[in-house]
Amino acid sequence: MTRGERRSSIAGPAGQLEVAHNVPEGAARGIALIAHPHPLQGGTLDNKVVQTLAKTFAALGYAATRFNFRGVGASVGQFDDGIGETDDALAVLAAAKLEFGELPVALAGFSFGSYVQTRVAHVISAERLVLIGPAVKRFPNEVVPPDTIVVHGEEDDVVALADVLAWARPQQLPIIVFPGCGHFFHGRLPQLQRIITGMWQ
């Protein structure tokens, strides 16, 4: 758990969903919905990149809300290849809006979570997207807004940098590449936080 974190559960489409909030000290300027990596490959809301995103957004003044997809941790249900997980994300966002109000929404996702967030972005109007180690083979033709923040590791052995560049090239989308960095950003999380914070201003 991160410092200042609060956990709860909400009613999701397939059953209860486990949710964690990191909230700013004052009034929130927005809601940051954060999605974790692949449920069948150990992805949870406690993933270090996901926790870093939550801390980053809370420091930026957002109510940072992350959750376990169906079938992960205390969340009920079975893996649904991104379709049911999109419904989970929308249910968590609806609950967050009831709690924090109708605020601007930032969408952030790591790996498989980035795929889910591109689907969520088709349903809601998002302030901005943050895609970390995006699983672009799941959305090879997806066009994202030009101010989307995309960060990838040069030595990512889960999603090849070449695939991310091939996805980004037709839309002339800049990619921030961490040299010598793997998929999970080991040892680079403070740098990741600084990059996102700097680009958000």
N, C-alpha and C. Protein backbone atom coordinates (compact mmCIF):
# COMPACT_ATOMS: atom_id res chain seq x y z
N MET A 1 0.84 -1.20 0.00
CA MET A 1 0.00 0.00 0.00
C MET A 1 0.87 1.25 0.00
N THR A 2 0.39 2.27 -0.66
CA THR A 2 1.12 3.54 -0.68
C THR A 2 0.69 4.40 0.50
N ARG A 3 1.50 5.41 0.82
CA ARG A 3 1.18 6.30 1.94
C ARG A 3 -0.10 7.08 1.65
N GLY A 4 -0.97 7.18 2.65
CA GLY A 4 -2.20 7.93 2.48
C GLY A 4 -3.25 7.22 1.64
N GLU A 5 -3.06 5.93 1.45
CA GLU A 5 -3.98 5.17 0.59
C GLU A 5 -5.20 4.70 1.37
N ARG A 6 -6.33 4.68 0.67
CA ARG A 6 -7.57 4.20 1.27
C ARG A 6 -8.18 3.16 0.33
N ARG A 7 -8.57 2.02 0.88
CA ARG A 7 -9.14 0.95 0.05
C ARG A 7 -10.60 0.71 0.36
N SER A 8 -11.31 0.29 -0.67
CA SER A 8 -12.74 -0.02 -0.51
C SER A 8 -13.12 -1.00 -1.61
N SER A 9 -14.41 -1.28 -1.71
CA SER A 9 -14.89 -2.10 -2.82
C SER A 9 -16.18 -1.48 -3.34
N ILE A 10 -16.42 -1.69 -4.63
CA ILE A 10 -17.65 -1.21 -5.25
C ILE A 10 -18.32 -2.36 -5.98
N ALA A 11 -19.58 -2.19 -6.31
CA ALA A 11 -20.29 -3.19 -7.12
C ALA A 11 -19.90 -3.01 -8.58
N GLY A 12 -19.27 -4.04 -9.15
CA GLY A 12 -18.88 -3.99 -10.56
C GLY A 12 -19.80 -4.85 -11.41
N PRO A 13 -19.58 -4.86 -12.71
CA PRO A 13 -20.44 -5.62 -13.63
C PRO A 13 -20.43 -7.12 -13.37
N ALA A 14 -19.30 -7.65 -12.86
CA ALA A 14 -19.20 -9.09 -12.62
C ALA A 14 -19.14 -9.41 -11.13
N GLY A 15 -19.34 -8.41 -10.28
CA GLY A 15 -19.24 -8.61 -8.83
C GLY A 15 -18.40 -7.50 -8.22
N GLN A 16 -18.05 -7.67 -6.95
CA GLN A 16 -17.31 -6.64 -6.23
C GLN A 16 -15.95 -6.38 -6.88
N LEU A 17 -15.56 -5.09 -6.91
CA LEU A 17 -14.25 -4.69 -7.41
C LEU A 17 -13.47 -4.00 -6.29
N GLU A 18 -12.22 -4.40 -6.13
CA GLU A 18 -11.35 -3.80 -5.12
C GLU A 18 -10.76 -2.51 -5.67
N VAL A 19 -10.88 -1.42 -4.88
CA VAL A 19 -10.47 -0.09 -5.33
C VAL A 19 -9.54 0.53 -4.30
N ALA A 20 -8.54 1.28 -4.77
CA ALA A 20 -7.64 2.03 -3.90
C ALA A 20 -7.62 3.48 -4.35
N HIS A 21 -7.68 4.39 -3.38
CA HIS A 21 -7.63 5.83 -3.67
C HIS A 21 -6.42 6.46 -3.00
N ASN A 22 -5.75 7.32 -3.73
CA ASN A 22 -4.78 8.26 -3.16
C ASN A 22 -5.31 9.64 -3.47
N VAL A 23 -5.58 10.42 -2.44
CA VAL A 23 -6.22 11.72 -2.68
C VAL A 23 -5.29 12.85 -2.27
N PRO A 24 -5.41 14.00 -2.94
CA PRO A 24 -4.58 15.15 -2.58
C PRO A 24 -5.03 15.74 -1.25
N GLU A 25 -4.20 16.61 -0.68
CA GLU A 25 -4.53 17.20 0.62
C GLU A 25 -5.71 18.16 0.51
N GLY A 26 -5.76 18.97 -0.55
CA GLY A 26 -6.86 19.90 -0.73
C GLY A 26 -7.94 19.30 -1.61
N ALA A 27 -8.76 20.17 -2.17
CA ALA A 27 -9.80 19.72 -3.09
C ALA A 27 -9.17 19.18 -4.38
N ALA A 28 -9.70 18.08 -4.87
CA ALA A 28 -9.15 17.46 -6.09
C ALA A 28 -9.48 18.30 -7.31
N ARG A 29 -8.51 18.42 -8.21
CA ARG A 29 -8.73 19.14 -9.47
C ARG A 29 -9.26 18.20 -10.56
N GLY A 30 -9.20 16.91 -10.30
CA GLY A 30 -9.65 15.93 -11.27
C GLY A 30 -9.58 14.53 -10.69
N ILE A 31 -9.99 13.57 -11.49
CA ILE A 31 -9.89 12.14 -11.14
C ILE A 31 -8.92 11.49 -12.12
N ALA A 32 -7.95 10.76 -11.58
CA ALA A 32 -7.03 9.99 -12.42
C ALA A 32 -7.38 8.51 -12.25
N LEU A 33 -7.86 7.90 -13.31
CA LEU A 33 -8.20 6.48 -13.30
C LEU A 33 -7.01 5.71 -13.85
N ILE A 34 -6.51 4.74 -13.06
CA ILE A 34 -5.25 4.07 -13.39
C ILE A 34 -5.49 2.57 -13.51
N ALA A 35 -5.02 1.98 -14.62
CA ALA A 35 -5.26 0.57 -14.91
C ALA A 35 -3.97 -0.24 -14.90
N HIS A 36 -4.02 -1.43 -14.33
CA HIS A 36 -2.82 -2.25 -14.11
C HIS A 36 -2.54 -3.23 -15.25
N PRO A 37 -1.36 -3.88 -15.21
CA PRO A 37 -0.98 -4.84 -16.28
C PRO A 37 -1.85 -6.09 -16.31
N HIS A 38 -1.49 -6.99 -17.20
CA HIS A 38 -2.30 -8.16 -17.54
C HIS A 38 -2.64 -9.01 -16.31
N PRO A 39 -3.92 -9.26 -16.07
CA PRO A 39 -4.34 -10.04 -14.91
C PRO A 39 -3.78 -11.46 -14.87
N LEU A 40 -3.55 -12.07 -16.03
CA LEU A 40 -3.07 -13.46 -16.06
C LEU A 40 -1.54 -13.53 -16.01
N GLN A 41 -0.90 -12.38 -15.94
CA GLN A 41 0.57 -12.35 -15.86
C GLN A 41 1.04 -11.61 -14.61
N GLY A 42 0.20 -11.65 -13.58
CA GLY A 42 0.60 -11.09 -12.29
C GLY A 42 0.28 -9.62 -12.08
N GLY A 43 -0.44 -9.01 -13.01
CA GLY A 43 -0.78 -7.60 -12.87
C GLY A 43 -1.81 -7.34 -11.78
N THR A 44 -1.53 -6.36 -10.91
CA THR A 44 -2.47 -5.97 -9.86
C THR A 44 -2.37 -4.47 -9.63
N LEU A 45 -3.26 -3.94 -8.81
CA LEU A 45 -3.20 -2.53 -8.48
C LEU A 45 -1.98 -2.20 -7.62
N ASP A 46 -1.30 -3.23 -7.09
CA ASP A 46 -0.10 -3.01 -6.29
C ASP A 46 1.18 -3.02 -7.12
N ASN A 47 1.06 -3.18 -8.43
CA ASN A 47 2.22 -3.08 -9.31
C ASN A 47 2.95 -1.76 -9.05
N LYS A 48 4.28 -1.79 -9.05
CA LYS A 48 5.06 -0.60 -8.69
C LYS A 48 4.87 0.57 -9.65
N VAL A 49 4.72 0.28 -10.93
CA VAL A 49 4.48 1.37 -11.89
C VAL A 49 3.11 1.99 -11.63
N VAL A 50 2.13 1.14 -11.35
CA VAL A 50 0.77 1.62 -11.08
C VAL A 50 0.75 2.45 -9.79
N GLN A 51 1.46 1.99 -8.76
CA GLN A 51 1.56 2.77 -7.53
C GLN A 51 2.25 4.11 -7.78
N THR A 52 3.28 4.11 -8.62
CA THR A 52 3.98 5.35 -8.95
C THR A 52 3.04 6.32 -9.67
N LEU A 53 2.23 5.81 -10.58
CA LEU A 53 1.25 6.66 -11.26
C LEU A 53 0.27 7.27 -10.25
N ALA A 54 -0.17 6.47 -9.28
CA ALA A 54 -1.11 6.96 -8.27
C ALA A 54 -0.48 8.07 -7.44
N LYS A 55 0.75 7.87 -6.99
CA LYS A 55 1.44 8.89 -6.19
C LYS A 55 1.67 10.16 -7.01
N THR A 56 2.01 9.98 -8.28
CA THR A 56 2.27 11.12 -9.16
C THR A 56 1.01 11.96 -9.32
N PHE A 57 -0.10 11.31 -9.61
CA PHE A 57 -1.34 12.06 -9.84
C PHE A 57 -1.88 12.68 -8.55
N ALA A 58 -1.73 12.00 -7.42
CA ALA A 58 -2.16 12.60 -6.15
C ALA A 58 -1.35 13.86 -5.88
N ALA A 59 -0.05 13.82 -6.18
CA ALA A 59 0.80 15.00 -5.98
C ALA A 59 0.42 16.13 -6.94
N LEU A 60 -0.14 15.77 -8.09
CA LEU A 60 -0.59 16.77 -9.07
C LEU A 60 -1.98 17.32 -8.73
N GLY A 61 -2.58 16.80 -7.66
CA GLY A 61 -3.88 17.31 -7.23
C GLY A 61 -5.08 16.50 -7.67
N TYR A 62 -4.84 15.29 -8.14
CA TYR A 62 -5.93 14.43 -8.61
C TYR A 62 -6.30 13.40 -7.55
N ALA A 63 -7.56 13.01 -7.54
CA ALA A 63 -7.98 11.84 -6.78
C ALA A 63 -7.58 10.62 -7.62
N ALA A 64 -6.47 10.00 -7.23
CA ALA A 64 -5.91 8.89 -8.02
C ALA A 64 -6.61 7.60 -7.61
N THR A 65 -7.29 6.99 -8.56
CA THR A 65 -8.12 5.82 -8.31
C THR A 65 -7.61 4.66 -9.15
N ARG A 66 -7.18 3.60 -8.48
CA ARG A 66 -6.78 2.40 -9.19
C ARG A 66 -7.59 1.23 -8.63
N PHE A 67 -7.60 0.14 -9.35
CA PHE A 67 -8.49 -0.95 -8.97
C PHE A 67 -7.95 -2.26 -9.52
N ASN A 68 -8.41 -3.34 -8.95
CA ASN A 68 -8.07 -4.66 -9.48
C ASN A 68 -9.14 -5.09 -10.48
N PHE A 69 -8.71 -5.45 -11.67
CA PHE A 69 -9.64 -6.00 -12.65
C PHE A 69 -10.31 -7.25 -12.09
N ARG A 70 -11.42 -7.61 -12.68
CA ARG A 70 -12.15 -8.83 -12.29
C ARG A 70 -11.21 -10.04 -12.20
N GLY A 71 -11.35 -10.81 -11.13
CA GLY A 71 -10.54 -12.00 -10.95
C GLY A 71 -9.18 -11.75 -10.33
N VAL A 72 -8.87 -10.51 -9.98
CA VAL A 72 -7.57 -10.17 -9.39
C VAL A 72 -7.78 -9.70 -7.95
N GLY A 73 -6.96 -10.20 -7.03
CA GLY A 73 -7.07 -9.78 -5.63
C GLY A 73 -8.47 -10.06 -5.10
N ALA A 74 -9.09 -9.03 -4.52
CA ALA A 74 -10.43 -9.19 -3.95
C ALA A 74 -11.54 -8.90 -4.97
N SER A 75 -11.17 -8.68 -6.22
CA SER A 75 -12.18 -8.42 -7.26
C SER A 75 -12.74 -9.73 -7.80
N VAL A 76 -14.05 -9.77 -7.97
CA VAL A 76 -14.76 -10.99 -8.37
C VAL A 76 -14.86 -11.08 -9.89
N GLY A 77 -14.81 -12.29 -10.41
CA GLY A 77 -15.02 -12.50 -11.84
C GLY A 77 -13.85 -13.22 -12.49
N GLN A 78 -13.91 -13.30 -13.83
CA GLN A 78 -12.88 -13.98 -14.60
C GLN A 78 -12.37 -13.06 -15.70
N PHE A 79 -11.13 -13.27 -16.10
CA PHE A 79 -10.50 -12.48 -17.16
C PHE A 79 -11.37 -12.47 -18.41
N ASP A 80 -11.51 -11.29 -19.02
CA ASP A 80 -12.39 -11.15 -20.19
C ASP A 80 -11.70 -10.45 -21.35
N ASP A 81 -10.38 -10.59 -21.44
CA ASP A 81 -9.60 -10.14 -22.60
C ASP A 81 -9.75 -8.64 -22.92
N GLY A 82 -10.02 -7.86 -21.89
CA GLY A 82 -10.08 -6.41 -22.07
C GLY A 82 -11.48 -5.85 -22.21
N ILE A 83 -12.42 -6.70 -22.59
CA ILE A 83 -13.80 -6.22 -22.82
C ILE A 83 -14.50 -5.99 -21.48
N GLY A 84 -14.56 -7.03 -20.65
CA GLY A 84 -15.14 -6.88 -19.33
C GLY A 84 -14.32 -5.94 -18.47
N GLU A 85 -13.00 -5.93 -18.68
CA GLU A 85 -12.12 -5.05 -17.90
C GLU A 85 -12.40 -3.58 -18.21
N THR A 86 -12.80 -3.30 -19.45
CA THR A 86 -13.22 -1.93 -19.79
C THR A 86 -14.48 -1.56 -19.02
N ASP A 87 -15.41 -2.49 -18.92
CA ASP A 87 -16.62 -2.26 -18.13
C ASP A 87 -16.27 -2.04 -16.66
N ASP A 88 -15.28 -2.80 -16.16
CA ASP A 88 -14.83 -2.61 -14.78
C ASP A 88 -14.33 -1.18 -14.58
N ALA A 89 -13.49 -0.72 -15.51
CA ALA A 89 -12.92 0.62 -15.41
C ALA A 89 -14.01 1.69 -15.40
N LEU A 90 -15.00 1.52 -16.25
CA LEU A 90 -16.09 2.50 -16.32
C LEU A 90 -16.92 2.49 -15.04
N ALA A 91 -17.10 1.32 -14.44
CA ALA A 91 -17.85 1.23 -13.18
C ALA A 91 -17.08 1.91 -12.06
N VAL A 92 -15.77 1.71 -12.02
CA VAL A 92 -14.94 2.35 -10.98
C VAL A 92 -14.95 3.87 -11.18
N LEU A 93 -14.87 4.31 -12.43
CA LEU A 93 -14.91 5.75 -12.69
C LEU A 93 -16.25 6.35 -12.26
N ALA A 94 -17.34 5.66 -12.54
CA ALA A 94 -18.67 6.16 -12.13
C ALA A 94 -18.74 6.30 -10.61
N ALA A 95 -18.19 5.33 -9.88
CA ALA A 95 -18.19 5.39 -8.42
C ALA A 95 -17.31 6.53 -7.92
N ALA A 96 -16.16 6.73 -8.59
CA ALA A 96 -15.26 7.82 -8.20
C ALA A 96 -15.93 9.18 -8.41
N LYS A 97 -16.70 9.30 -9.48
CA LYS A 97 -17.40 10.57 -9.73
C LYS A 97 -18.47 10.82 -8.67
N LEU A 98 -19.12 9.77 -8.20
CA LEU A 98 -20.09 9.93 -7.13
C LEU A 98 -19.42 10.43 -5.86
N GLU A 99 -18.18 9.97 -5.64
CA GLU A 99 -17.47 10.35 -4.42
C GLU A 99 -16.79 11.71 -4.53
N PHE A 100 -16.17 11.98 -5.67
CA PHE A 100 -15.34 13.19 -5.79
C PHE A 100 -15.99 14.30 -6.63
N GLY A 101 -17.06 13.96 -7.35
CA GLY A 101 -17.76 14.95 -8.15
C GLY A 101 -17.45 14.82 -9.63
N GLU A 102 -18.16 15.60 -10.43
CA GLU A 102 -17.98 15.58 -11.89
C GLU A 102 -16.75 16.40 -12.26
N LEU A 103 -15.60 15.81 -12.10
CA LEU A 103 -14.32 16.48 -12.33
C LEU A 103 -13.71 16.00 -13.65
N PRO A 104 -12.73 16.74 -14.19
CA PRO A 104 -12.00 16.25 -15.36
C PRO A 104 -11.36 14.89 -15.06
N VAL A 105 -11.26 14.05 -16.08
CA VAL A 105 -10.75 12.69 -15.89
C VAL A 105 -9.48 12.48 -16.72
N ALA A 106 -8.42 12.06 -16.04
CA ALA A 106 -7.20 11.62 -16.72
C ALA A 106 -7.18 10.09 -16.70
N LEU A 107 -6.78 9.50 -17.81
CA LEU A 107 -6.69 8.05 -17.91
C LEU A 107 -5.23 7.64 -18.01
N ALA A 108 -4.82 6.72 -17.15
CA ALA A 108 -3.44 6.23 -17.19
C ALA A 108 -3.45 4.70 -17.15
N GLY A 109 -2.61 4.08 -17.94
CA GLY A 109 -2.54 2.63 -17.95
C GLY A 109 -1.12 2.15 -18.20
N PHE A 110 -0.80 1.02 -17.60
CA PHE A 110 0.50 0.38 -17.78
C PHE A 110 0.31 -0.95 -18.48
N SER A 111 1.00 -1.16 -19.60
CA SER A 111 0.99 -2.41 -20.35
C SER A 111 -0.45 -2.75 -20.79
N PHE A 112 -0.98 -3.90 -20.38
CA PHE A 112 -2.37 -4.25 -20.72
C PHE A 112 -3.34 -3.15 -20.29
N GLY A 113 -3.06 -2.50 -19.18
CA GLY A 113 -3.91 -1.41 -18.71
C GLY A 113 -4.01 -0.27 -19.70
N SER A 114 -2.96 -0.07 -20.51
CA SER A 114 -3.01 0.99 -21.53
C SER A 114 -4.03 0.63 -22.62
N TYR A 115 -4.11 -0.65 -22.93
CA TYR A 115 -5.11 -1.11 -23.91
C TYR A 115 -6.52 -0.84 -23.40
N VAL A 116 -6.76 -1.18 -22.14
CA VAL A 116 -8.08 -0.93 -21.57
C VAL A 116 -8.40 0.56 -21.60
N GLN A 117 -7.41 1.40 -21.29
CA GLN A 117 -7.68 2.85 -21.25
C GLN A 117 -7.95 3.44 -22.63
N THR A 118 -7.37 2.87 -23.69
CA THR A 118 -7.72 3.36 -25.03
C THR A 118 -9.18 3.02 -25.35
N ARG A 119 -9.67 1.91 -24.80
CA ARG A 119 -11.08 1.55 -24.97
C ARG A 119 -11.98 2.47 -24.16
N VAL A 120 -11.57 2.76 -22.93
CA VAL A 120 -12.34 3.67 -22.08
C VAL A 120 -12.44 5.05 -22.73
N ALA A 121 -11.37 5.47 -23.38
CA ALA A 121 -11.33 6.80 -24.00
C ALA A 121 -12.33 6.95 -25.14
N HIS A 122 -12.81 5.83 -25.66
CA HIS A 122 -13.86 5.89 -26.69
C HIS A 122 -15.23 6.15 -26.09
N VAL A 123 -15.35 5.92 -24.79
CA VAL A 123 -16.64 6.02 -24.12
C VAL A 123 -16.80 7.34 -23.38
N ILE A 124 -15.71 7.82 -22.78
CA ILE A 124 -15.78 9.06 -22.00
C ILE A 124 -14.91 10.13 -22.66
N SER A 125 -15.10 11.35 -22.23
CA SER A 125 -14.24 12.44 -22.69
C SER A 125 -13.13 12.63 -21.66
N ALA A 126 -11.92 12.24 -22.00
CA ALA A 126 -10.80 12.30 -21.06
C ALA A 126 -10.01 13.59 -21.25
N GLU A 127 -9.52 14.10 -20.16
CA GLU A 127 -8.65 15.28 -20.19
C GLU A 127 -7.34 14.95 -20.91
N ARG A 128 -6.78 13.77 -20.60
CA ARG A 128 -5.50 13.38 -21.19
C ARG A 128 -5.24 11.91 -20.91
N LEU A 129 -4.43 11.28 -21.75
CA LEU A 129 -4.04 9.88 -21.56
C LEU A 129 -2.55 9.79 -21.23
N VAL A 130 -2.23 8.82 -20.36
CA VAL A 130 -0.85 8.47 -20.08
C VAL A 130 -0.72 6.96 -20.29
N LEU A 131 0.12 6.57 -21.24
CA LEU A 131 0.30 5.15 -21.58
C LEU A 131 1.76 4.77 -21.30
N ILE A 132 1.96 3.85 -20.36
CA ILE A 132 3.30 3.42 -19.97
C ILE A 132 3.51 1.99 -20.46
N GLY A 133 4.60 1.77 -21.21
CA GLY A 133 4.84 0.43 -21.76
C GLY A 133 3.63 -0.11 -22.48
N PRO A 134 3.03 0.69 -23.39
CA PRO A 134 1.73 0.31 -23.97
C PRO A 134 1.78 -0.99 -24.77
N ALA A 135 0.74 -1.80 -24.57
CA ALA A 135 0.63 -3.09 -25.27
C ALA A 135 0.06 -2.86 -26.67
N VAL A 136 0.85 -2.25 -27.54
CA VAL A 136 0.34 -1.74 -28.82
C VAL A 136 -0.12 -2.84 -29.77
N LYS A 137 0.34 -4.06 -29.58
CA LYS A 137 -0.13 -5.13 -30.48
C LYS A 137 -1.62 -5.40 -30.27
N ARG A 138 -2.17 -4.94 -29.14
CA ARG A 138 -3.60 -5.08 -28.89
C ARG A 138 -4.38 -3.94 -29.55
N PHE A 139 -3.69 -2.83 -29.88
CA PHE A 139 -4.39 -1.71 -30.53
C PHE A 139 -3.51 -1.10 -31.62
N PRO A 140 -3.11 -1.90 -32.63
CA PRO A 140 -2.13 -1.44 -33.62
C PRO A 140 -2.59 -0.27 -34.48
N ASN A 141 -3.90 -0.09 -34.62
CA ASN A 141 -4.40 1.00 -35.46
C ASN A 141 -5.09 2.10 -34.65
N GLU A 142 -4.94 2.05 -33.36
CA GLU A 142 -5.57 3.04 -32.48
C GLU A 142 -4.87 4.39 -32.60
N VAL A 143 -5.64 5.42 -32.86
CA VAL A 143 -5.10 6.79 -32.89
C VAL A 143 -5.49 7.46 -31.59
N VAL A 144 -4.49 8.00 -30.89
CA VAL A 144 -4.74 8.65 -29.60
C VAL A 144 -4.54 10.16 -29.75
N PRO A 145 -5.05 10.96 -28.83
CA PRO A 145 -4.87 12.42 -28.92
C PRO A 145 -3.39 12.80 -28.97
N PRO A 146 -3.06 13.90 -29.66
CA PRO A 146 -1.67 14.27 -29.84
C PRO A 146 -0.94 14.66 -28.56
N ASP A 147 -1.68 14.98 -27.48
CA ASP A 147 -1.02 15.32 -26.21
C ASP A 147 -0.87 14.12 -25.29
N THR A 148 -1.15 12.91 -25.79
CA THR A 148 -0.98 11.69 -25.00
C THR A 148 0.48 11.52 -24.60
N ILE A 149 0.71 11.19 -23.33
CA ILE A 149 2.06 10.93 -22.84
C ILE A 149 2.33 9.43 -22.97
N VAL A 150 3.34 9.08 -23.75
CA VAL A 150 3.71 7.67 -23.94
C VAL A 150 5.16 7.49 -23.50
N VAL A 151 5.38 6.58 -22.56
CA VAL A 151 6.73 6.31 -22.06
C VAL A 151 7.03 4.83 -22.25
N HIS A 152 8.22 4.54 -22.78
CA HIS A 152 8.58 3.14 -23.04
C HIS A 152 10.06 2.92 -22.73
N GLY A 153 10.37 1.70 -22.33
CA GLY A 153 11.76 1.32 -22.06
C GLY A 153 12.45 0.84 -23.32
N GLU A 154 13.67 1.28 -23.51
CA GLU A 154 14.44 0.88 -24.70
C GLU A 154 14.59 -0.63 -24.78
N GLU A 155 14.79 -1.27 -23.63
CA GLU A 155 15.07 -2.71 -23.60
C GLU A 155 13.86 -3.52 -23.13
N ASP A 156 12.66 -3.01 -23.39
CA ASP A 156 11.43 -3.71 -23.02
C ASP A 156 11.37 -5.05 -23.74
N ASP A 157 11.30 -6.13 -22.96
CA ASP A 157 11.25 -7.47 -23.57
C ASP A 157 9.84 -8.04 -23.58
N VAL A 158 8.85 -7.24 -23.19
CA VAL A 158 7.45 -7.64 -23.26
C VAL A 158 6.78 -7.00 -24.47
N VAL A 159 7.00 -5.70 -24.64
CA VAL A 159 6.50 -4.96 -25.80
C VAL A 159 7.71 -4.30 -26.46
N ALA A 160 8.05 -4.75 -27.66
CA ALA A 160 9.25 -4.23 -28.33
C ALA A 160 9.10 -2.74 -28.64
N LEU A 161 10.16 -1.99 -28.40
CA LEU A 161 10.15 -0.56 -28.72
C LEU A 161 9.84 -0.34 -30.20
N ALA A 162 10.35 -1.22 -31.06
CA ALA A 162 10.09 -1.07 -32.49
C ALA A 162 8.60 -1.11 -32.80
N ASP A 163 7.85 -1.94 -32.08
CA ASP A 163 6.40 -2.02 -32.29
C ASP A 163 5.72 -0.73 -31.85
N VAL A 164 6.18 -0.14 -30.76
CA VAL A 164 5.60 1.11 -30.28
C VAL A 164 5.88 2.24 -31.27
N LEU A 165 7.09 2.27 -31.79
CA LEU A 165 7.44 3.30 -32.77
C LEU A 165 6.63 3.13 -34.06
N ALA A 166 6.42 1.88 -34.47
CA ALA A 166 5.63 1.62 -35.68
C ALA A 166 4.18 2.08 -35.49
N TRP A 167 3.66 1.93 -34.27
CA TRP A 167 2.31 2.40 -33.96
C TRP A 167 2.26 3.93 -33.92
N ALA A 168 3.27 4.53 -33.35
CA ALA A 168 3.28 5.99 -33.17
C ALA A 168 3.60 6.75 -34.45
N ARG A 169 4.37 6.15 -35.34
CA ARG A 169 4.89 6.87 -36.52
C ARG A 169 3.78 7.46 -37.40
N PRO A 170 2.74 6.71 -37.77
CA PRO A 170 1.71 7.29 -38.66
C PRO A 170 0.99 8.49 -38.05
N GLN A 171 0.92 8.55 -36.72
CA GLN A 171 0.22 9.67 -36.08
C GLN A 171 1.21 10.73 -35.56
N GLN A 172 2.49 10.55 -35.90
CA GLN A 172 3.54 11.51 -35.50
C GLN A 172 3.48 11.79 -34.00
N LEU A 173 3.31 10.73 -33.24
CA LEU A 173 3.17 10.83 -31.79
C LEU A 173 4.54 10.66 -31.13
N PRO A 174 4.99 11.65 -30.37
CA PRO A 174 6.29 11.50 -29.69
C PRO A 174 6.26 10.40 -28.63
N ILE A 175 7.36 9.69 -28.51
CA ILE A 175 7.52 8.66 -27.49
C ILE A 175 8.71 9.04 -26.61
N ILE A 176 8.53 8.97 -25.30
CA ILE A 176 9.65 9.18 -24.39
C ILE A 176 10.28 7.81 -24.13
N VAL A 177 11.54 7.66 -24.51
CA VAL A 177 12.23 6.38 -24.37
C VAL A 177 13.24 6.48 -23.22
N PHE A 178 13.15 5.54 -22.28
CA PHE A 178 14.12 5.45 -21.19
C PHE A 178 15.24 4.51 -21.65
N PRO A 179 16.43 5.02 -21.94
CA PRO A 179 17.53 4.17 -22.38
C PRO A 179 17.89 3.13 -21.32
N GLY A 180 18.18 1.91 -21.80
CA GLY A 180 18.62 0.85 -20.90
C GLY A 180 17.56 0.38 -19.92
N CYS A 181 16.31 0.63 -20.21
CA CYS A 181 15.22 0.34 -19.27
C CYS A 181 14.35 -0.79 -19.79
N GLY A 182 13.94 -1.68 -18.88
CA GLY A 182 13.06 -2.79 -19.24
C GLY A 182 11.60 -2.44 -19.05
N HIS A 183 10.75 -3.44 -19.19
CA HIS A 183 9.30 -3.22 -19.18
C HIS A 183 8.79 -2.68 -17.84
N PHE A 184 9.41 -3.11 -16.74
CA PHE A 184 8.87 -2.77 -15.42
C PHE A 184 9.55 -1.56 -14.77
N PHE A 185 10.42 -0.89 -15.51
CA PHE A 185 11.03 0.36 -15.05
C PHE A 185 11.75 0.22 -13.72
N HIS A 186 12.41 -0.95 -13.52
CA HIS A 186 13.15 -1.18 -12.28
C HIS A 186 14.22 -0.10 -12.11
N GLY A 187 14.24 0.52 -10.94
CA GLY A 187 15.22 1.54 -10.64
C GLY A 187 14.96 2.88 -11.31
N ARG A 188 13.88 2.98 -12.08
CA ARG A 188 13.60 4.20 -12.84
C ARG A 188 12.28 4.87 -12.46
N LEU A 189 11.66 4.38 -11.40
CA LEU A 189 10.34 4.91 -11.03
C LEU A 189 10.37 6.38 -10.62
N PRO A 190 11.37 6.84 -9.85
CA PRO A 190 11.42 8.27 -9.55
C PRO A 190 11.56 9.12 -10.81
N GLN A 191 12.32 8.62 -11.78
CA GLN A 191 12.47 9.32 -13.05
C GLN A 191 11.15 9.36 -13.81
N LEU A 192 10.42 8.25 -13.78
CA LEU A 192 9.11 8.19 -14.43
C LEU A 192 8.17 9.23 -13.81
N GLN A 193 8.19 9.33 -12.49
CA GLN A 193 7.35 10.31 -11.81
C GLN A 193 7.73 11.73 -12.22
N ARG A 194 9.01 12.02 -12.30
CA ARG A 194 9.46 13.36 -12.69
C ARG A 194 9.04 13.70 -14.11
N ILE A 195 9.15 12.73 -15.02
CA ILE A 195 8.80 12.97 -16.42
C ILE A 195 7.32 13.31 -16.56
N ILE A 196 6.47 12.50 -15.94
CA ILE A 196 5.03 12.73 -16.04
C ILE A 196 4.65 14.08 -15.42
N THR A 197 5.22 14.35 -14.24
CA THR A 197 4.94 15.62 -13.56
C THR A 197 5.34 16.80 -14.42
N GLY A 198 6.53 16.72 -15.02
CA GLY A 198 7.02 17.80 -15.85
C GLY A 198 6.18 18.02 -17.09
N MET A 199 5.70 16.95 -17.68
CA MET A 199 4.90 17.06 -18.90
C MET A 199 3.46 17.47 -18.61
N TRP A 200 3.02 17.31 -17.37
CA TRP A 200 1.65 17.62 -17.02
C TRP A 200 1.43 19.11 -16.84
N GLN A 201 2.48 19.84 -16.51
CA GLN A 201 2.32 21.28 -16.20
C GLN A 201 1.88 22.07 -17.43
